[in-house]
Amino acid sequence: MTVEPLSQKDVEDRLRELPGWSSDGVLLRRTYTFAGHAPAAALVLHISVTQEELGHHAEITLGYNKVDIAVNTHSVGGKVTGLDIELARRIEAVASGHGARG
């Protein structure tokens, strides 16, 4: 599959469907908070399985009760692509099931 960078307008349009996600023009970003460490770690594990399915990986930072995610596509010069949007959608779809908050 050919992966092409999205325009900033395309990124902004697609982010309207992903509340809490943002872009600084280079990366898609999202921070989730949790009641404690175990649910935060469980989300990271769930994301890791999703990333393997997609063959596309984000930078994830796990704190005590927080998960920070940053993603772009290195193979197109560190730009945001449809792969990044798809990963964000999949993460968003499972995050609340792990007790994630804004």
PDB file of N, CA and C in Angstrom:
ATOM      1  N   MET A   1       0.835  -1.178   0.000  1.00  0.00           N
ATOM      2  CA  MET A   1       0.000   0.000   0.000  1.00  0.00           C
ATOM      3  C   MET A   1       0.880   1.241   0.000  1.00  0.00           C
ATOM      4  N   THR A   2       0.570   2.183  -0.888  1.00  0.00           N
ATOM      5  CA  THR A   2       1.292   3.442  -0.939  1.00  0.00           C
ATOM      6  C   THR A   2       0.744   4.372   0.124  1.00  0.00           C
ATOM      7  N   VAL A   3       1.643   4.963   0.880  1.00  0.00           N
ATOM      8  CA  VAL A   3       1.256   5.886   1.947  1.00  0.00           C
ATOM      9  C   VAL A   3       1.721   7.275   1.549  1.00  0.00           C
ATOM     10  N   GLU A   4       0.795   8.214   1.543  1.00  0.00           N
ATOM     11  CA  GLU A   4       1.092   9.596   1.171  1.00  0.00           C
ATOM     12  C   GLU A   4       0.804  10.525   2.342  1.00  0.00           C
ATOM     13  N   PRO A   5       1.607  11.571   2.500  1.00  0.00           N
ATOM     14  CA  PRO A   5       1.330  12.551   3.560  1.00  0.00           C
ATOM     15  C   PRO A   5      -0.013  13.245   3.305  1.00  0.00           C
ATOM     16  N   LEU A   6      -0.708  13.566   4.383  1.00  0.00           N
ATOM     17  CA  LEU A   6      -1.950  14.329   4.291  1.00  0.00           C
ATOM     18  C   LEU A   6      -1.633  15.814   4.373  1.00  0.00           C
ATOM     19  N   SER A   7      -2.441  16.626   3.713  1.00  0.00           N
ATOM     20  CA  SER A   7      -2.292  18.073   3.863  1.00  0.00           C
ATOM     21  C   SER A   7      -2.739  18.471   5.268  1.00  0.00           C
ATOM     22  N   GLN A   8      -2.311  19.632   5.721  1.00  0.00           N
ATOM     23  CA  GLN A   8      -2.714  20.098   7.040  1.00  0.00           C
ATOM     24  C   GLN A   8      -4.235  20.210   7.125  1.00  0.00           C
ATOM     25  N   LYS A   9      -4.877  20.630   6.049  1.00  0.00           N
ATOM     26  CA  LYS A   9      -6.347  20.723   6.037  1.00  0.00           C
ATOM     27  C   LYS A   9      -6.972  19.339   6.182  1.00  0.00           C
ATOM     28  N   ASP A  10      -6.439  18.342   5.475  1.00  0.00           N
ATOM     29  CA  ASP A  10      -6.949  16.971   5.600  1.00  0.00           C
ATOM     30  C   ASP A  10      -6.801  16.467   7.032  1.00  0.00           C
ATOM     31  N   VAL A  11      -5.653  16.743   7.639  1.00  0.00           N
ATOM     32  CA  VAL A  11      -5.430  16.329   9.033  1.00  0.00           C
ATOM     33  C   VAL A  11      -6.464  16.996   9.935  1.00  0.00           C
ATOM     34  N   GLU A  12      -6.632  18.299   9.793  1.00  0.00           N
ATOM     35  CA  GLU A  12      -7.594  19.025  10.625  1.00  0.00           C
ATOM     36  C   GLU A  12      -9.011  18.501  10.423  1.00  0.00           C
ATOM     37  N   ASP A  13      -9.399  18.224   9.178  1.00  0.00           N
ATOM     38  CA  ASP A  13     -10.727  17.678   8.901  1.00  0.00           C
ATOM     39  C   ASP A  13     -10.920  16.333   9.581  1.00  0.00           C
ATOM     40  N   ARG A  14      -9.936  15.478   9.494  1.00  0.00           N
ATOM     41  CA  ARG A  14     -10.051  14.136  10.086  1.00  0.00           C
ATOM     42  C   ARG A  14     -10.009  14.180  11.612  1.00  0.00           C
ATOM     43  N   LEU A  15      -9.310  15.142  12.166  1.00  0.00           N
ATOM     44  CA  LEU A  15      -9.248  15.254  13.622  1.00  0.00           C
ATOM     45  C   LEU A  15     -10.584  15.673  14.229  1.00  0.00           C
ATOM     46  N   ARG A  16     -11.466  16.240  13.423  1.00  0.00           N
ATOM     47  CA  ARG A  16     -12.808  16.587  13.929  1.00  0.00           C
ATOM     48  C   ARG A  16     -13.546  15.344  14.411  1.00  0.00           C
ATOM     49  N   GLU A  17     -13.191  14.192  13.863  1.00  0.00           N
ATOM     50  CA  GLU A  17     -13.803  12.919  14.252  1.00  0.00           C
ATOM     51  C   GLU A  17     -13.077  12.270  15.429  1.00  0.00           C
ATOM     52  N   LEU A  18     -12.014  12.908  15.918  1.00  0.00           N
ATOM     53  CA  LEU A  18     -11.196  12.329  16.990  1.00  0.00           C
ATOM     54  C   LEU A  18     -11.013  13.344  18.117  1.00  0.00           C
ATOM     55  N   PRO A  19     -12.059  13.570  18.916  1.00  0.00           N
ATOM     56  CA  PRO A  19     -11.944  14.541  20.010  1.00  0.00           C
ATOM     57  C   PRO A  19     -10.776  14.197  20.934  1.00  0.00           C
ATOM     58  N   GLY A  20     -10.050  15.219  21.339  1.00  0.00           N
ATOM     59  CA  GLY A  20      -8.915  15.011  22.237  1.00  0.00           C
ATOM     60  C   GLY A  20      -7.593  14.829  21.515  1.00  0.00           C
ATOM     61  N   TRP A  21      -7.640  14.488  20.244  1.00  0.00           N
ATOM     62  CA  TRP A  21      -6.432  14.353  19.435  1.00  0.00           C
ATOM     63  C   TRP A  21      -6.098  15.710  18.844  1.00  0.00           C
ATOM     64  N   SER A  22      -4.806  15.980  18.678  1.00  0.00           N
ATOM     65  CA  SER A  22      -4.368  17.230  18.086  1.00  0.00           C
ATOM     66  C   SER A  22      -3.169  16.960  17.186  1.00  0.00           C
ATOM     67  N   SER A  23      -2.825  17.970  16.399  1.00  0.00           N
ATOM     68  CA  SER A  23      -1.647  17.877  15.548  1.00  0.00           C
ATOM     69  C   SER A  23      -0.893  19.187  15.616  1.00  0.00           C
ATOM     70  N   ASP A  24       0.419  19.066  15.709  1.00  0.00           N
ATOM     71  CA  ASP A  24       1.270  20.255  15.675  1.00  0.00           C
ATOM     72  C   ASP A  24       1.847  20.461  14.272  1.00  0.00           C
ATOM     73  N   GLY A  25       1.271  19.771  13.299  1.00  0.00           N
ATOM     74  CA  GLY A  25       1.756  19.848  11.932  1.00  0.00           C
ATOM     75  C   GLY A  25       2.739  18.743  11.592  1.00  0.00           C
ATOM     76  N   VAL A  26       3.261  18.066  12.605  1.00  0.00           N
ATOM     77  CA  VAL A  26       4.230  16.991  12.408  1.00  0.00           C
ATOM     78  C   VAL A  26       3.741  15.684  13.018  1.00  0.00           C
ATOM     79  N   LEU A  27       3.113  15.756  14.171  1.00  0.00           N
ATOM     80  CA  LEU A  27       2.675  14.573  14.910  1.00  0.00           C
ATOM     81  C   LEU A  27       1.202  14.679  15.268  1.00  0.00           C
ATOM     82  N   LEU A  28       0.539  13.523  15.346  1.00  0.00           N
ATOM     83  CA  LEU A  28      -0.758  13.440  16.015  1.00  0.00           C
ATOM     84  C   LEU A  28      -0.453  13.135  17.471  1.00  0.00           C
ATOM     85  N   ARG A  29      -1.198  13.763  18.388  1.00  0.00           N
ATOM     86  CA  ARG A  29      -0.936  13.574  19.817  1.00  0.00           C
ATOM     87  C   ARG A  29      -2.243  13.396  20.588  1.00  0.00           C
ATOM     88  N   ARG A  30      -2.119  12.627  21.690  1.00  0.00           N
ATOM     89  CA  ARG A  30      -3.257  12.445  22.589  1.00  0.00           C
ATOM     90  C   ARG A  30      -2.712  12.015  23.930  1.00  0.00           C
ATOM     91  N   THR A  31      -3.305  12.527  25.004  1.00  0.00           N
ATOM     92  CA  THR A  31      -2.991  12.083  26.359  1.00  0.00           C
ATOM     93  C   THR A  31      -4.265  11.565  26.997  1.00  0.00           C
ATOM     94  N   TYR A  32      -4.170  10.389  27.592  1.00  0.00           N
ATOM     95  CA  TYR A  32      -5.270   9.811  28.357  1.00  0.00           C
ATOM     96  C   TYR A  32      -4.847   9.728  29.812  1.00  0.00           C
ATOM     97  N   THR A  33      -5.789   9.924  30.721  1.00  0.00           N
ATOM     98  CA  THR A  33      -5.538   9.724  32.148  1.00  0.00           C
ATOM     99  C   THR A  33      -6.444   8.610  32.656  1.00  0.00           C
ATOM    100  N   PHE A  34      -6.037   8.014  33.779  1.00  0.00           N
ATOM    101  CA  PHE A  34      -6.717   6.843  34.331  1.00  0.00           C
ATOM    102  C   PHE A  34      -6.789   6.953  35.852  1.00  0.00           C
ATOM    103  N   ALA A  35      -7.565   6.087  36.456  1.00  0.00           N
ATOM    104  CA  ALA A  35      -7.694   6.050  37.908  1.00  0.00           C
ATOM    105  C   ALA A  35      -6.427   5.508  38.574  1.00  0.00           C
ATOM    106  N   GLY A  36      -5.606   4.787  37.847  1.00  0.00           N
ATOM    107  CA  GLY A  36      -4.383   4.210  38.401  1.00  0.00           C
ATOM    108  C   GLY A  36      -3.492   3.660  37.307  1.00  0.00           C
ATOM    109  N   HIS A  37      -2.455   2.955  37.735  1.00  0.00           N
ATOM    110  CA  HIS A  37      -1.450   2.467  36.793  1.00  0.00           C
ATOM    111  C   HIS A  37      -1.911   1.263  35.968  1.00  0.00           C
ATOM    112  N   ALA A  38      -2.590   0.314  36.577  1.00  0.00           N
ATOM    113  CA  ALA A  38      -2.959  -0.913  35.862  1.00  0.00           C
ATOM    114  C   ALA A  38      -3.819  -0.645  34.624  1.00  0.00           C
ATOM    115  N   PRO A  39      -4.857   0.200  34.710  1.00  0.00           N
ATOM    116  CA  PRO A  39      -5.632   0.439  33.490  1.00  0.00           C
ATOM    117  C   PRO A  39      -4.833   1.184  32.412  1.00  0.00           C
ATOM    118  N   ALA A  40      -3.926   2.049  32.831  1.00  0.00           N
ATOM    119  CA  ALA A  40      -3.066   2.742  31.863  1.00  0.00           C
ATOM    120  C   ALA A  40      -2.173   1.734  31.151  1.00  0.00           C
ATOM    121  N   ALA A  41      -1.584   0.823  31.901  1.00  0.00           N
ATOM    122  CA  ALA A  41      -0.721  -0.201  31.314  1.00  0.00           C
ATOM    123  C   ALA A  41      -1.512  -1.138  30.412  1.00  0.00           C
ATOM    124  N   ALA A  42      -2.753  -1.444  30.798  1.00  0.00           N
ATOM    125  CA  ALA A  42      -3.593  -2.313  29.970  1.00  0.00           C
ATOM    126  C   ALA A  42      -3.873  -1.661  28.616  1.00  0.00           C
ATOM    127  N   LEU A  43      -4.101  -0.347  28.610  1.00  0.00           N
ATOM    128  CA  LEU A  43      -4.315   0.331  27.325  1.00  0.00           C
ATOM    129  C   LEU A  43      -3.064   0.238  26.463  1.00  0.00           C
ATOM    130  N   VAL A  44      -1.895   0.423  27.050  1.00  0.00           N
ATOM    131  CA  VAL A  44      -0.651   0.330  26.280  1.00  0.00           C
ATOM    132  C   VAL A  44      -0.516  -1.059  25.652  1.00  0.00           C
ATOM    133  N   LEU A  45      -0.836  -2.093  26.402  1.00  0.00           N
ATOM    134  CA  LEU A  45      -0.778  -3.447  25.855  1.00  0.00           C
ATOM    135  C   LEU A  45      -1.764  -3.607  24.700  1.00  0.00           C
ATOM    136  N   HIS A  46      -2.968  -3.099  24.876  1.00  0.00           N
ATOM    137  CA  HIS A  46      -3.973  -3.182  23.816  1.00  0.00           C
ATOM    138  C   HIS A  46      -3.500  -2.437  22.565  1.00  0.00           C
ATOM    139  N   ILE A  47      -2.926  -1.256  22.752  1.00  0.00           N
ATOM    140  CA  ILE A  47      -2.404  -0.486  21.624  1.00  0.00           C
ATOM    141  C   ILE A  47      -1.292  -1.258  20.918  1.00  0.00           C
ATOM    142  N   SER A  48      -0.448  -1.939  21.681  1.00  0.00           N
ATOM    143  CA  SER A  48       0.669  -2.666  21.059  1.00  0.00           C
ATOM    144  C   SER A  48       0.168  -3.758  20.123  1.00  0.00           C
ATOM    145  N   VAL A  49      -0.921  -4.415  20.490  1.00  0.00           N
ATOM    146  CA  VAL A  49      -1.507  -5.439  19.619  1.00  0.00           C
ATOM    147  C   VAL A  49      -2.060  -4.789  18.356  1.00  0.00           C
ATOM    148  N   THR A  50      -2.749  -3.678  18.516  1.00  0.00           N
ATOM    149  CA  THR A  50      -3.299  -2.947  17.363  1.00  0.00           C
ATOM    150  C   THR A  50      -2.189  -2.494  16.425  1.00  0.00           C
ATOM    151  N   GLN A  51      -1.105  -1.999  16.985  1.00  0.00           N
ATOM    152  CA  GLN A  51       0.025  -1.543  16.172  1.00  0.00           C
ATOM    153  C   GLN A  51       0.608  -2.688  15.357  1.00  0.00           C
ATOM    154  N   GLU A  52       0.723  -3.846  15.956  1.00  0.00           N
ATOM    155  CA  GLU A  52       1.242  -5.005  15.224  1.00  0.00           C
ATOM    156  C   GLU A  52       0.307  -5.384  14.086  1.00  0.00           C
ATOM    157  N   GLU A  53      -1.015  -5.309  14.322  1.00  0.00           N
ATOM    158  CA  GLU A  53      -1.980  -5.614  13.271  1.00  0.00           C
ATOM    159  C   GLU A  53      -1.830  -4.651  12.091  1.00  0.00           C
ATOM    160  N   LEU A  54      -1.615  -3.375  12.392  1.00  0.00           N
ATOM    161  CA  LEU A  54      -1.481  -2.369  11.341  1.00  0.00           C
ATOM    162  C   LEU A  54      -0.083  -2.316  10.733  1.00  0.00           C
ATOM    163  N   GLY A  55       0.902  -2.835  11.453  1.00  0.00           N
ATOM    164  CA  GLY A  55       2.288  -2.688  11.020  1.00  0.00           C
ATOM    165  C   GLY A  55       2.733  -1.238  11.090  1.00  0.00           C
ATOM    166  N   HIS A  56       2.189  -0.521  12.059  1.00  0.00           N
ATOM    167  CA  HIS A  56       2.464   0.918  12.208  1.00  0.00           C
ATOM    168  C   HIS A  56       2.487   1.237  13.700  1.00  0.00           C
ATOM    169  N   HIS A  57       3.507   1.962  14.137  1.00  0.00           N
ATOM    170  CA  HIS A  57       3.739   2.121  15.569  1.00  0.00           C
ATOM    171  C   HIS A  57       3.871   3.575  15.985  1.00  0.00           C
ATOM    172  N   ALA A  58       3.337   3.863  17.158  1.00  0.00           N
ATOM    173  CA  ALA A  58       3.399   5.200  17.754  1.00  0.00           C
ATOM    174  C   ALA A  58       4.469   5.231  18.833  1.00  0.00           C
ATOM    175  N   GLU A  59       4.839   6.426  19.232  1.00  0.00           N
ATOM    176  CA  GLU A  59       5.654   6.616  20.428  1.00  0.00           C
ATOM    177  C   GLU A  59       4.680   6.701  21.591  1.00  0.00           C
ATOM    178  N   ILE A  60       4.828   5.818  22.563  1.00  0.00           N
ATOM    179  CA  ILE A  60       3.914   5.770  23.699  1.00  0.00           C
ATOM    180  C   ILE A  60       4.717   5.933  24.974  1.00  0.00           C
ATOM    181  N   THR A  61       4.250   6.829  25.839  1.00  0.00           N
ATOM    182  CA  THR A  61       4.873   7.026  27.143  1.00  0.00           C
ATOM    183  C   THR A  61       3.857   6.657  28.208  1.00  0.00           C
ATOM    184  N   LEU A  62       4.223   5.702  29.054  1.00  0.00           N
ATOM    185  CA  LEU A  62       3.366   5.242  30.145  1.00  0.00           C
ATOM    186  C   LEU A  62       3.841   5.855  31.446  1.00  0.00           C
ATOM    187  N   GLY A  63       2.961   6.587  32.099  1.00  0.00           N
ATOM    188  CA  GLY A  63       3.232   7.112  33.431  1.00  0.00           C
ATOM    189  C   GLY A  63       2.398   6.353  34.445  1.00  0.00           C
ATOM    190  N   TYR A  64       2.373   6.830  35.673  1.00  0.00           N
ATOM    191  CA  TYR A  64       1.594   6.144  36.709  1.00  0.00           C
ATOM    192  C   TYR A  64       0.131   6.011  36.292  1.00  0.00           C
ATOM    193  N   ASN A  65      -0.493   7.118  35.932  1.00  0.00           N
ATOM    194  CA  ASN A  65      -1.910   7.081  35.561  1.00  0.00           C
ATOM    195  C   ASN A  65      -2.154   7.853  34.261  1.00  0.00           C
ATOM    196  N   LYS A  66      -1.174   7.828  33.376  1.00  0.00           N
ATOM    197  CA  LYS A  66      -1.258   8.615  32.154  1.00  0.00           C
ATOM    198  C   LYS A  66      -0.571   7.878  31.005  1.00  0.00           C
ATOM    199  N   VAL A  67      -1.152   8.011  29.822  1.00  0.00           N
ATOM    200  CA  VAL A  67      -0.550   7.479  28.600  1.00  0.00           C
ATOM    201  C   VAL A  67      -0.508   8.618  27.586  1.00  0.00           C
ATOM    202  N   ASP A  68       0.700   8.920  27.103  1.00  0.00           N
ATOM    203  CA  ASP A  68       0.888   9.922  26.055  1.00  0.00           C
ATOM    204  C   ASP A  68       1.212   9.195  24.758  1.00  0.00           C
ATOM    205  N   ILE A  69       0.545   9.617  23.688  1.00  0.00           N
ATOM    206  CA  ILE A  69       0.747   8.999  22.379  1.00  0.00           C
ATOM    207  C   ILE A  69       1.139  10.081  21.378  1.00  0.00           C
ATOM    208  N   ALA A  70       2.145   9.787  20.571  1.00  0.00           N
ATOM    209  CA  ALA A  70       2.559  10.668  19.477  1.00  0.00           C
ATOM    210  C   ALA A  70       2.864   9.779  18.279  1.00  0.00           C
ATOM    211  N   VAL A  71       2.323  10.149  17.119  1.00  0.00           N
ATOM    212  CA  VAL A  71       2.514   9.290  15.951  1.00  0.00           C
ATOM    213  C   VAL A  71       2.590  10.112  14.667  1.00  0.00           C
ATOM    214  N   ASN A  72       3.483   9.675  13.794  1.00  0.00           N
ATOM    215  CA  ASN A  72       3.535  10.124  12.408  1.00  0.00           C
ATOM    216  C   ASN A  72       4.148   8.980  11.608  1.00  0.00           C
ATOM    217  N   THR A  73       4.345   9.192  10.323  1.00  0.00           N
ATOM    218  CA  THR A  73       4.847   8.123   9.461  1.00  0.00           C
ATOM    219  C   THR A  73       6.270   8.457   9.019  1.00  0.00           C
ATOM    220  N   HIS A  74       7.223   7.718   9.546  1.00  0.00           N
ATOM    221  CA  HIS A  74       8.635   7.979   9.270  1.00  0.00           C
ATOM    222  C   HIS A  74       8.999   7.767   7.805  1.00  0.00           C
ATOM    223  N   SER A  75       8.335   6.805   7.156  1.00  0.00           N
ATOM    224  CA  SER A  75       8.712   6.462   5.775  1.00  0.00           C
ATOM    225  C   SER A  75       8.376   7.561   4.770  1.00  0.00           C
ATOM    226  N   VAL A  76       7.606   8.572   5.182  1.00  0.00           N
ATOM    227  CA  VAL A  76       7.321   9.708   4.291  1.00  0.00           C
ATOM    228  C   VAL A  76       7.866  10.999   4.887  1.00  0.00           C
ATOM    229  N   GLY A  77       8.943  10.869   5.627  1.00  0.00           N
ATOM    230  CA  GLY A  77       9.614  12.053   6.164  1.00  0.00           C
ATOM    231  C   GLY A  77       9.014  12.609   7.436  1.00  0.00           C
ATOM    232  N   GLY A  78       8.355  11.758   8.211  1.00  0.00           N
ATOM    233  CA  GLY A  78       7.797  12.219   9.474  1.00  0.00           C
ATOM    234  C   GLY A  78       6.561  13.078   9.311  1.00  0.00           C
ATOM    235  N   LYS A  79       5.736  12.743   8.360  1.00  0.00           N
ATOM    236  CA  LYS A  79       4.476  13.461   8.106  1.00  0.00           C
ATOM    237  C   LYS A  79       3.305  12.620   8.605  1.00  0.00           C
ATOM    238  N   VAL A  80       2.146  13.266   8.757  1.00  0.00           N
ATOM    239  CA  VAL A  80       0.931  12.563   9.144  1.00  0.00           C
ATOM    240  C   VAL A  80       0.283  11.971   7.894  1.00  0.00           C
ATOM    241  N   THR A  81      -0.094  10.694   7.996  1.00  0.00           N
ATOM    242  CA  THR A  81      -0.729   9.977   6.889  1.00  0.00           C
ATOM    243  C   THR A  81      -2.027   9.327   7.366  1.00  0.00           C
ATOM    244  N   GLY A  82      -2.709   8.701   6.437  1.00  0.00           N
ATOM    245  CA  GLY A  82      -3.909   7.948   6.776  1.00  0.00           C
ATOM    246  C   GLY A  82      -3.645   6.829   7.771  1.00  0.00           C
ATOM    247  N   LEU A  83      -2.448   6.255   7.751  1.00  0.00           N
ATOM    248  CA  LEU A  83      -2.092   5.224   8.738  1.00  0.00           C
ATOM    249  C   LEU A  83      -2.153   5.773  10.157  1.00  0.00           C
ATOM    250  N   ASP A  84      -1.685   6.995  10.329  1.00  0.00           N
ATOM    251  CA  ASP A  84      -1.705   7.614  11.652  1.00  0.00           C
ATOM    252  C   ASP A  84      -3.135   7.861  12.111  1.00  0.00           C
ATOM    253  N   ILE A  85      -3.966   8.326  11.189  1.00  0.00           N
ATOM    254  CA  ILE A  85      -5.370   8.564  11.510  1.00  0.00           C
ATOM    255  C   ILE A  85      -6.052   7.251  11.881  1.00  0.00           C
ATOM    256  N   GLU A  86      -5.786   6.196  11.123  1.00  0.00           N
ATOM    257  CA  GLU A  86      -6.389   4.894  11.413  1.00  0.00           C
ATOM    258  C   GLU A  86      -5.945   4.371  12.777  1.00  0.00           C
ATOM    259  N   LEU A  87      -4.671   4.504  13.101  1.00  0.00           N
ATOM    260  CA  LEU A  87      -4.206   4.072  14.411  1.00  0.00           C
ATOM    261  C   LEU A  87      -4.899   4.883  15.498  1.00  0.00           C
ATOM    262  N   ALA A  88      -5.005   6.183  15.327  1.00  0.00           N
ATOM    263  CA  ALA A  88      -5.690   7.026  16.309  1.00  0.00           C
ATOM    264  C   ALA A  88      -7.145   6.594  16.478  1.00  0.00           C
ATOM    265  N   ARG A  89      -7.823   6.300  15.389  1.00  0.00           N
ATOM    266  CA  ARG A  89      -9.220   5.837  15.462  1.00  0.00           C
ATOM    267  C   ARG A  89      -9.328   4.544  16.270  1.00  0.00           C
ATOM    268  N   ARG A  90      -8.434   3.631  15.991  1.00  0.00           N
ATOM    269  CA  ARG A  90      -8.483   2.344  16.705  1.00  0.00           C
ATOM    270  C   ARG A  90      -8.172   2.514  18.187  1.00  0.00           C
ATOM    271  N   ILE A  91      -7.231   3.379  18.504  1.00  0.00           N
ATOM    272  CA  ILE A  91      -6.918   3.645  19.914  1.00  0.00           C
ATOM    273  C   ILE A  91      -8.128   4.269  20.592  1.00  0.00           C
ATOM    274  N   GLU A  92      -8.707   5.249  19.945  1.00  0.00           N
ATOM    275  CA  GLU A  92      -9.867   5.946  20.511  1.00  0.00           C
ATOM    276  C   GLU A  92     -11.017   4.970  20.759  1.00  0.00           C
ATOM    277  N   ALA A  93     -11.188   4.005  19.872  1.00  0.00           N
ATOM    278  CA  ALA A  93     -12.272   3.040  19.984  1.00  0.00           C
ATOM    279  C   ALA A  93     -12.153   2.131  21.209  1.00  0.00           C
ATOM    280  N   VAL A  94     -10.935   1.909  21.695  1.00  0.00           N
ATOM    281  CA  VAL A  94     -10.748   0.992  22.830  1.00  0.00           C
ATOM    282  C   VAL A  94     -10.402   1.704  24.143  1.00  0.00           C
ATOM    283  N   ALA A  95     -10.017   2.964  24.074  1.00  0.00           N
ATOM    284  CA  ALA A  95      -9.512   3.657  25.258  1.00  0.00           C
ATOM    285  C   ALA A  95     -10.539   3.735  26.384  1.00  0.00           C
ATOM    286  N   SER A  96     -11.779   4.061  26.058  1.00  0.00           N
ATOM    287  CA  SER A  96     -12.780   4.203  27.122  1.00  0.00           C
ATOM    288  C   SER A  96     -13.036   2.879  27.830  1.00  0.00           C
ATOM    289  N   GLY A  97     -12.882   1.770  27.120  1.00  0.00           N
ATOM    290  CA  GLY A  97     -13.044   0.466  27.730  1.00  0.00           C
ATOM    291  C   GLY A  97     -11.996   0.157  28.790  1.00  0.00           C
ATOM    292  N   HIS A  98     -10.919   0.907  28.781  1.00  0.00           N
ATOM    293  CA  HIS A  98      -9.863   0.768  29.791  1.00  0.00           C
ATOM    294  C   HIS A  98      -9.981   1.849  30.871  1.00  0.00           C
ATOM    295  N   GLY A  99     -11.054   2.627  30.807  1.00  0.00           N
ATOM    296  CA  GLY A  99     -11.281   3.666  31.812  1.00  0.00           C
ATOM    297  C   GLY A  99     -10.581   4.974  31.519  1.00  0.00           C
ATOM    298  N   ALA A 100     -10.179   5.179  30.268  1.00  0.00           N
ATOM    299  CA  ALA A 100      -9.462   6.411  29.904  1.00  0.00           C
ATOM    300  C   ALA A 100     -10.375   7.623  30.039  1.00  0.00           C
ATOM    301  N   ARG A 101      -9.771   8.704  30.496  1.00  0.00           N
ATOM    302  CA  ARG A 101     -10.447   9.989  30.575  1.00  0.00           C
ATOM    303  C   ARG A 101      -9.625  10.982  29.767  1.00  0.00           C
ATOM    304  N   GLY A 102     -10.321  12.027  29.270  1.00  0.00           N
ATOM    305  CA  GLY A 102      -9.716  13.111  28.510  1.00  0.00           C
ATOM    306  C   GLY A 102      -8.292  13.215  28.613  1.00  0.00           C
TER     307      GLY A 102
END
